[in-house]
Protein backbone atom coordinates (compact mmCIF):
# COMPACT_ATOMS: atom_id res chain seq x y z
CA MET A 1 9.49 -111.91 75.50
CA SER A 2 6.64 -113.64 73.66
CA GLU A 3 4.45 -110.54 73.71
CA LYS A 4 7.30 -108.30 72.56
CA LEU A 5 8.23 -110.71 69.78
CA ALA A 6 4.64 -111.03 68.57
CA ALA A 7 4.19 -107.27 68.48
CA ALA A 8 7.48 -106.71 66.66
CA VAL A 9 6.94 -109.29 63.93
CA ASP A 10 3.30 -108.33 63.42
CA VAL A 11 4.41 -104.86 62.32
CA VAL A 12 6.37 -106.51 59.49
CA VAL A 13 3.53 -108.83 58.52
CA GLN A 14 0.93 -106.07 58.38
CA SER A 15 3.14 -103.65 56.46
CA ALA A 16 4.21 -106.27 53.88
CA SER A 17 0.88 -106.13 52.04
CA GLN A 18 0.33 -102.38 52.32
CA GLY A 19 1.00 -99.91 49.55
CA PRO A 20 -0.15 -99.40 45.96
CA VAL A 21 -2.01 -102.41 44.57
CA SER A 22 0.36 -102.71 41.60
CA GLY A 23 3.47 -101.40 43.28
CA GLU A 24 6.57 -103.46 43.89
CA GLY A 25 6.67 -102.49 47.56
CA ARG A 26 4.07 -105.01 48.61
CA VAL A 27 3.00 -108.64 48.54
CA PRO A 28 -0.63 -109.59 47.76
CA GLY A 29 -0.93 -111.40 51.06
CA VAL A 30 1.16 -113.23 53.65
CA VAL A 31 0.74 -115.61 56.56
CA ALA A 32 3.59 -115.91 59.03
CA GLY A 33 4.23 -117.54 62.37
CA VAL A 34 6.83 -118.07 65.07
CA THR A 35 6.97 -120.99 67.50
CA ASP A 36 9.06 -121.85 70.53
CA ARG A 37 9.44 -125.38 71.90
CA ASN A 38 6.01 -125.31 73.53
CA ALA A 39 3.56 -123.43 71.34
CA ASP A 40 3.06 -120.78 68.70
CA ILE A 41 4.32 -117.40 69.88
CA TYR A 42 2.85 -115.55 66.93
CA LEU A 43 0.50 -116.28 64.04
CA GLY A 44 -0.67 -113.51 61.76
CA ALA A 45 -1.86 -112.64 58.27
CA SER A 46 -2.37 -109.61 56.06
CA GLY A 47 -3.51 -108.81 52.55
CA VAL A 48 -5.69 -110.94 50.27
CA ARG A 49 -5.54 -114.45 48.82
CA ASP A 50 -6.16 -113.21 45.28
CA LEU A 51 -5.69 -109.69 43.91
CA SER A 52 -8.60 -110.24 41.53
CA GLY A 53 -10.93 -110.52 44.55
CA ASP A 54 -11.19 -109.34 48.11
CA THR A 55 -11.03 -112.57 50.15
CA PRO A 56 -8.69 -111.73 53.02
CA MET A 57 -5.62 -113.78 53.79
CA THR A 58 -6.29 -115.71 57.00
CA THR A 59 -4.07 -117.79 59.23
CA ASP A 60 -5.75 -121.01 58.00
CA THR A 61 -5.01 -120.24 54.33
CA VAL A 62 -3.67 -123.23 52.38
CA PHE A 63 -0.46 -122.85 50.34
CA ASN A 64 1.52 -124.81 47.81
CA ILE A 65 4.50 -125.09 50.12
CA TRP A 66 6.86 -126.10 47.30
CA SER A 67 10.39 -126.97 48.47
CA THR A 68 9.58 -126.62 52.14
CA THR A 69 8.18 -130.11 51.49
CA LYS A 70 11.76 -131.39 51.32
CA ALA A 71 12.45 -131.46 55.06
CA ILE A 72 9.35 -133.60 55.64
CA THR A 73 10.60 -136.13 53.10
CA GLY A 74 13.98 -136.06 54.83
CA THR A 75 12.22 -136.84 58.10
CA ALA A 76 10.54 -139.90 56.55
CA VAL A 77 13.93 -141.06 55.23
CA LEU A 78 15.57 -140.71 58.66
CA GLN A 79 12.75 -142.73 60.22
CA LEU A 80 13.61 -145.60 57.86
CA VAL A 81 17.28 -145.30 58.77
CA GLU A 82 16.32 -145.58 62.44
CA SER A 83 14.27 -148.72 61.78
CA GLY A 84 17.17 -150.35 59.96
CA GLU A 85 15.31 -150.52 56.65
CA LEU A 86 17.53 -148.00 54.85
CA ASP A 87 21.29 -147.62 54.58
CA LEU A 88 22.18 -144.06 53.54
CA GLN A 89 25.44 -145.24 51.93
CA ALA A 90 23.97 -148.17 49.97
CA PRO A 91 23.19 -147.75 46.26
CA ALA A 92 19.83 -146.01 45.98
CA LYS A 93 18.85 -148.38 43.18
CA GLU A 94 18.45 -151.12 45.79
CA TYR A 95 15.34 -149.27 46.98
CA ALA A 96 14.27 -147.39 43.83
CA PRO A 97 15.53 -149.44 40.84
CA ALA A 98 14.66 -146.78 38.24
CA ILE A 99 17.35 -144.47 39.58
CA GLY A 100 19.96 -147.01 38.51
CA GLU A 101 18.98 -146.56 34.87
CA LEU A 102 19.89 -142.86 34.73
CA GLN A 103 23.01 -141.67 32.91
CA VAL A 104 25.20 -138.56 33.03
CA ILE A 105 24.69 -135.95 30.30
CA GLU A 106 27.94 -134.50 28.96
CA GLY A 107 26.39 -132.07 26.53
CA PHE A 108 24.70 -132.23 23.12
CA ASP A 109 26.01 -133.49 19.78
CA GLY A 110 25.92 -131.64 16.47
CA ASP A 111 22.30 -132.69 15.94
CA GLY A 112 21.29 -131.40 19.35
CA GLN A 113 20.94 -134.88 20.85
CA PRO A 114 22.06 -135.50 24.45
CA ILE A 115 25.47 -137.14 24.90
CA LEU A 116 25.05 -139.69 27.70
CA ARG A 117 27.35 -142.04 29.63
CA PRO A 118 27.01 -144.24 32.70
CA PRO A 119 27.83 -142.55 36.04
CA ALA A 120 31.20 -143.36 37.59
CA THR A 121 29.60 -144.36 40.89
CA ASP A 122 26.19 -145.34 42.18
CA ILE A 123 23.87 -142.73 43.67
CA THR A 124 23.28 -143.20 47.39
CA THR A 125 20.50 -141.82 49.56
CA HIS A 126 23.17 -139.70 51.26
CA HIS A 127 23.84 -138.07 47.89
CA LEU A 128 20.13 -137.41 47.45
CA LEU A 129 19.63 -135.86 50.88
CA THR A 130 22.62 -133.55 50.39
CA HIS A 131 21.91 -132.55 46.76
CA THR A 132 25.13 -134.13 45.52
CA ALA A 133 23.62 -136.90 43.36
CA GLY A 134 23.78 -134.94 40.11
CA PHE A 135 20.19 -133.76 39.65
CA GLY A 136 19.13 -130.19 38.90
CA TYR A 137 16.06 -128.10 38.06
CA ASP A 138 15.26 -126.63 34.66
CA PHE A 139 14.71 -123.19 36.21
CA PHE A 140 18.21 -123.26 37.74
CA ASN A 141 20.18 -125.18 35.10
CA GLU A 142 20.73 -124.42 31.40
CA THR A 143 21.18 -128.08 30.40
CA TYR A 144 17.90 -129.13 31.99
CA ASN A 145 16.18 -126.13 30.45
CA ARG A 146 17.44 -127.18 27.02
CA LEU A 147 16.15 -130.70 27.61
CA ALA A 148 12.77 -129.19 28.40
CA GLU A 149 12.67 -126.80 25.44
CA GLU A 150 14.18 -129.06 22.77
CA HIS A 151 13.36 -132.58 23.98
CA GLY A 152 10.09 -132.21 25.85
CA GLN A 153 11.38 -133.01 29.31
CA PRO A 154 8.37 -132.29 31.57
CA SER A 155 8.67 -129.78 34.39
CA VAL A 156 8.75 -131.14 37.92
CA ALA A 157 5.75 -128.88 38.58
CA THR A 158 3.67 -131.43 36.62
CA ALA A 159 4.35 -134.07 39.32
CA SER A 160 4.49 -136.70 36.58
CA ARG A 161 6.65 -139.80 36.58
CA ALA A 162 8.27 -138.66 33.34
CA ALA A 163 9.45 -135.51 35.14
CA LEU A 164 11.61 -137.67 37.42
CA THR A 165 13.62 -139.36 34.68
CA THR A 166 16.22 -136.71 33.98
CA PRO A 167 19.89 -137.43 33.32
CA LEU A 168 22.54 -136.60 35.90
CA LEU A 169 24.54 -133.42 35.40
CA PHE A 170 27.70 -134.90 36.95
CA ASP A 171 28.98 -138.00 38.71
CA PRO A 172 27.46 -138.49 42.17
CA GLY A 173 29.32 -136.94 45.07
CA ILE A 174 31.58 -134.45 43.28
CA LYS A 175 29.43 -131.30 43.38
CA TRP A 176 26.50 -129.63 45.15
CA GLU A 177 23.59 -128.72 42.89
CA TYR A 178 20.04 -128.09 44.00
CA GLY A 179 17.51 -130.23 42.18
CA THR A 180 15.16 -133.20 42.15
CA ASN A 181 17.24 -135.22 44.61
CA ILE A 182 14.57 -135.21 47.30
CA ASP A 183 11.90 -136.30 44.83
CA TRP A 184 14.00 -139.42 44.34
CA ALA A 185 14.41 -139.74 48.11
CA GLY A 186 10.63 -139.90 48.23
CA GLN A 187 10.73 -142.74 45.71
CA ILE A 188 13.08 -144.59 48.05
CA VAL A 189 10.58 -144.18 50.88
CA GLU A 190 7.87 -145.58 48.63
CA GLY A 191 10.08 -148.47 47.53
CA ILE A 192 10.79 -149.53 51.09
CA THR A 193 7.31 -149.04 52.54
CA GLY A 194 5.23 -150.12 49.54
CA LYS A 195 3.01 -147.07 50.06
CA ARG A 196 2.59 -143.68 48.43
CA LEU A 197 4.65 -140.98 50.06
CA GLY A 198 1.54 -139.13 51.17
CA GLU A 199 0.34 -142.23 53.07
CA VAL A 200 3.70 -142.53 54.81
CA PHE A 201 3.62 -138.87 55.79
CA ALA A 202 0.05 -139.16 57.08
CA GLU A 203 0.79 -142.19 59.24
CA ARG A 204 4.30 -141.52 60.51
CA ILE A 205 4.59 -137.71 60.63
CA PHE A 206 1.27 -135.89 60.28
CA ALA A 207 -0.77 -138.02 62.69
CA PRO A 208 1.63 -137.84 65.65
CA LEU A 209 2.26 -134.13 65.07
CA GLY A 210 -1.40 -133.25 64.60
CA MET A 211 -0.75 -131.89 61.10
CA ASN A 212 -4.31 -132.26 59.83
CA GLU A 213 -4.09 -129.74 56.99
CA SER A 214 -1.18 -131.12 54.95
CA ALA A 215 -1.53 -133.35 51.87
CA PHE A 216 -0.28 -133.99 48.35
CA ALA A 217 -3.92 -134.34 47.23
CA PRO A 218 -5.82 -131.81 49.37
CA SER A 219 -9.51 -132.23 50.18
CA ALA A 220 -12.19 -129.92 48.82
CA GLU A 221 -12.30 -128.24 52.22
CA LEU A 222 -8.60 -127.43 52.07
CA LEU A 223 -8.80 -126.28 48.46
CA ALA A 224 -11.54 -123.84 49.40
CA ARG A 225 -8.93 -122.02 51.52
CA LYS A 226 -6.15 -122.13 48.95
CA VAL A 227 -4.26 -118.97 48.00
CA ARG A 228 -3.66 -117.98 44.37
CA HIS A 229 -0.22 -117.55 42.86
CA HIS A 230 0.82 -114.12 41.57
CA LEU A 231 3.54 -113.14 39.12
CA ARG A 232 5.84 -110.18 39.67
CA GLU A 233 6.16 -108.53 36.27
CA GLU A 234 9.37 -106.84 35.10
CA ASP A 235 7.96 -103.41 36.01
CA GLY A 236 7.27 -104.61 39.57
CA THR A 237 3.51 -104.97 39.20
CA LEU A 238 1.64 -108.08 40.31
CA SER A 239 -0.63 -110.26 38.19
CA PRO A 240 -2.79 -113.20 39.34
CA SER A 241 -1.61 -116.49 37.84
CA ASP A 242 -3.09 -119.95 37.37
CA PHE A 243 0.30 -121.59 37.90
CA ALA A 244 0.10 -124.18 40.71
CA ALA A 245 1.10 -127.69 41.66
CA PRO A 246 -1.44 -130.38 40.68
CA THR A 247 -3.94 -131.27 43.37
CA GLU A 248 -4.18 -134.89 42.14
CA PRO A 249 -0.54 -135.70 41.30
CA GLU A 250 0.54 -138.79 39.40
CA VAL A 251 3.50 -139.03 41.79
CA ASP A 252 3.88 -137.61 45.29
CA PHE A 253 6.94 -135.43 44.71
CA GLY A 254 8.86 -135.32 47.97
CA GLY A 255 10.74 -132.24 46.85
CA HIS A 256 7.85 -129.85 46.36
CA GLY A 257 4.37 -131.37 46.17
CA LEU A 258 2.68 -130.68 49.51
CA PHE A 259 -0.16 -128.31 50.29
CA SER A 260 -0.22 -127.10 53.89
CA THR A 261 -0.86 -124.24 56.31
CA VAL A 262 1.58 -122.19 58.36
CA THR A 263 0.00 -123.58 61.53
CA ASP A 264 0.74 -127.13 60.42
CA TYR A 265 4.31 -126.33 59.44
CA LEU A 266 4.99 -124.72 62.80
CA LYS A 267 4.08 -128.06 64.40
CA PHE A 268 6.77 -129.67 62.23
CA ILE A 269 9.31 -127.03 63.26
CA ARG A 270 8.36 -127.59 66.90
CA MET A 271 9.19 -131.30 66.57
CA TRP A 272 12.74 -130.41 65.47
CA LEU A 273 13.07 -128.02 68.40
CA ASN A 274 11.94 -130.76 70.80
CA GLU A 275 14.54 -133.40 69.92
CA GLY A 276 12.11 -135.20 67.62
CA ARG A 277 9.11 -135.34 69.96
CA SER A 278 5.55 -134.32 69.20
CA ALA A 279 3.52 -132.11 71.52
CA SER A 280 1.99 -135.26 73.01
CA GLY A 281 5.45 -136.68 73.68
CA GLU A 282 5.55 -139.22 70.84
CA GLN A 283 9.03 -139.73 69.40
CA VAL A 284 8.77 -138.94 65.68
CA LEU A 285 12.57 -138.85 65.27
CA SER A 286 15.34 -139.94 67.59
CA PRO A 287 17.59 -137.26 69.09
CA ALA A 288 20.44 -138.76 67.06
CA SER A 289 18.50 -138.16 63.84
CA VAL A 290 17.73 -134.62 64.92
CA ASP A 291 21.46 -134.10 65.42
CA LEU A 292 21.97 -135.08 61.77
CA GLY A 293 19.55 -132.34 60.79
CA PHE A 294 21.55 -129.81 62.79
CA SER A 295 24.96 -130.75 61.39
CA ASN A 296 26.54 -130.09 58.01
CA GLN A 297 26.67 -133.24 55.88
CA LEU A 298 28.67 -131.82 52.96
CA PRO A 299 32.39 -132.54 52.64
CA ASP A 300 34.78 -129.65 53.30
CA ASN A 301 35.27 -128.95 49.59
CA LEU A 302 31.55 -128.43 48.86
CA GLN A 303 29.20 -125.62 49.83
CA VAL A 304 25.74 -124.38 48.95
CA THR A 305 26.06 -122.04 45.96
CA MET A 306 23.98 -119.38 44.27
CA LEU A 307 20.89 -120.57 42.39
CA PRO A 308 21.00 -119.00 38.92
CA GLY A 309 17.63 -117.89 37.57
CA VAL A 310 17.51 -119.63 34.19
CA ILE A 311 13.72 -119.36 33.69
CA LYS A 312 13.19 -115.77 34.70
CA TRP A 313 9.47 -115.92 35.45
CA LEU A 314 10.12 -118.76 37.90
CA SER A 315 13.25 -117.57 39.67
CA ASN A 316 15.66 -114.70 40.01
CA ASP A 317 19.30 -115.40 40.79
CA ALA A 318 19.01 -116.34 44.44
CA GLU A 319 21.26 -116.90 47.44
CA PHE A 320 20.91 -116.24 51.14
CA PHE A 321 23.57 -113.70 52.13
CA PRO A 322 26.27 -114.22 49.50
CA GLY A 323 29.72 -114.58 50.99
CA LEU A 324 28.57 -116.44 54.09
CA LYS A 325 29.40 -120.16 54.21
CA LYS A 326 26.38 -122.41 53.98
CA GLY A 327 26.30 -126.19 54.13
CA TRP A 328 23.55 -128.78 53.81
CA SER A 329 22.27 -131.22 56.42
CA TYR A 330 19.61 -133.98 56.37
CA THR A 331 17.82 -132.09 54.88
CA PHE A 332 18.11 -128.35 55.39
CA GLN A 333 20.43 -125.52 54.50
CA TYR A 334 22.89 -125.31 57.40
CA ASN A 335 24.35 -122.06 58.68
CA GLU A 336 28.10 -122.34 59.01
CA GLU A 337 28.28 -118.67 60.03
CA PRO A 338 25.91 -116.28 61.83
CA TRP A 339 23.45 -114.30 59.69
CA PRO A 340 22.87 -110.55 59.93
CA THR A 341 19.29 -111.31 61.01
CA GLY A 342 20.56 -112.78 64.28
CA ARG A 343 20.28 -116.41 63.20
CA PRO A 344 23.33 -118.18 64.69
CA ALA A 345 25.75 -120.65 63.18
CA GLY A 346 24.27 -124.11 63.55
CA ALA A 347 20.70 -123.06 62.74
CA ILE A 348 18.88 -124.56 59.77
CA GLY A 349 16.17 -123.60 57.29
CA TRP A 350 15.20 -123.31 53.67
CA ALA A 351 12.66 -121.92 51.23
CA GLY A 352 9.99 -122.71 48.65
CA LEU A 353 9.66 -121.58 45.03
CA ALA A 354 6.77 -119.16 45.59
CA ASN A 355 8.74 -117.22 48.22
CA LEU A 356 8.09 -119.29 51.31
CA PHE A 357 10.86 -119.23 53.94
CA TYR A 358 11.54 -120.75 57.34
CA TRP A 359 14.23 -121.19 59.98
CA ILE A 360 14.77 -123.53 62.95
CA ASP A 361 17.11 -122.41 65.73
CA ARG A 362 17.73 -125.14 68.31
CA GLU A 363 20.20 -123.00 70.30
CA ASN A 364 17.62 -120.30 71.02
CA GLY A 365 14.63 -122.64 70.97
CA PHE A 366 12.46 -121.04 68.32
CA GLY A 367 11.74 -120.95 64.61
CA GLY A 368 9.50 -119.26 62.09
CA TYR A 369 7.72 -119.64 58.76
CA TRP A 370 6.84 -116.97 56.16
CA ALA A 371 4.35 -117.89 53.43
CA THR A 372 3.56 -116.01 50.24
CA GLN A 373 2.61 -117.29 46.80
CA ILE A 374 4.61 -115.07 44.45
CA LEU A 375 6.80 -115.89 41.45
CA PRO A 376 9.62 -115.60 40.57
CA PHE A 377 11.58 -116.95 43.53
CA GLY A 378 13.74 -114.38 45.25
CA ASP A 379 11.00 -111.77 45.02
CA PRO A 380 12.53 -108.57 46.40
CA SER A 381 9.43 -107.60 48.38
CA SER A 382 8.66 -110.97 49.95
CA PHE A 383 12.27 -111.92 50.63
CA THR A 384 13.10 -108.54 52.14
CA SER A 385 10.01 -108.69 54.32
CA PHE A 386 10.95 -112.18 55.50
CA ILE A 387 14.42 -110.95 56.45
CA GLU A 388 12.81 -108.08 58.37
CA PHE A 389 10.43 -110.56 60.02
CA GLU A 390 13.25 -112.82 61.17
CA THR A 391 15.37 -109.87 62.28
CA ALA A 392 12.50 -108.45 64.33
CA ALA A 393 12.08 -111.82 66.04
CA TYR A 394 15.76 -112.03 66.98
CA GLN A 395 15.88 -108.45 68.17
CA ALA A 396 12.93 -109.14 70.45
CA VAL A 397 14.73 -112.18 71.87
CA ALA A 398 17.95 -110.22 72.34
CA ASN A 399 16.14 -107.40 74.13
CA ALA A 400 14.01 -109.62 76.35
């Protein structure tokens, strides 16, 4: 099965970067991999790191992994729950006092100033992990975008402390909205441990998993292998871009700030497939915590909804298979129904802004990661190729 799967998915990976240089039917370059519980089944690359040069994409290429950072922050949070240092239902301000100072924005007055009020309830870490605390992103929310354009609210891409201090869009717990919730969860980890989030990751997650190529502030050696971002223009052509996350961030943003490789991320996926154990047998998470990652944590009246592309160069309107029910776990999108790709109900996964995608399927014992560096999110070429990649993997499993 492994050989058939590797051959099938490699066809997708190699074809994804082929075609006219400026045409919309390609990506500049991609790295992708599939792992089972024991080892990588497939690891491949195609295309180039930068369309303005000819450096080939290689399997050790370093990416801004954007929101695929979130699950690693969620792992650090669950470790603190296991140790008894964190109560998911306690007010988050007990661990990160600054979050208790934030208010709810109800709109803007006649002078264009924000109308603010205290939230009806305290934010909890549970709210943060499930994206129900009230935070958003300026590229998915008109109110946040107005705060950025008219009031100088910094983008989260700056990884600055000022970028964290946004008002809430609604009272905690009443709605699902994707946003900076996991950045605040990272602040809770820092508040409890007294260390930067990157230090916590390095000690408690990266070291036992052998993830030696993941960091918020990557070394010169890692940066030498970094891929360049590209923008998909309205006519479908691709242009190299200098947009990127900072390599020396003021704050380690747990929602998006990591640099990593596909090989490293597959090690993380493998831990979730192995009931929280590393390849060497070290228990990174308890099986009970892993169960929380593979179970929907949203109430019955809330579901994951479409992400509206408010800043068009950063994101298109985006949703995985509209019409299918999707929940949220600690801290992944949770499949409440099977996907056309073959991914079953109960599997988990998510994505990153520059069209990075992954899935983890405990039932079938495998998962995969697809890495490109293209904006806006929901790029037709990269997303379609990822879907083909995942589908090819499941078809190989089904036909084994």
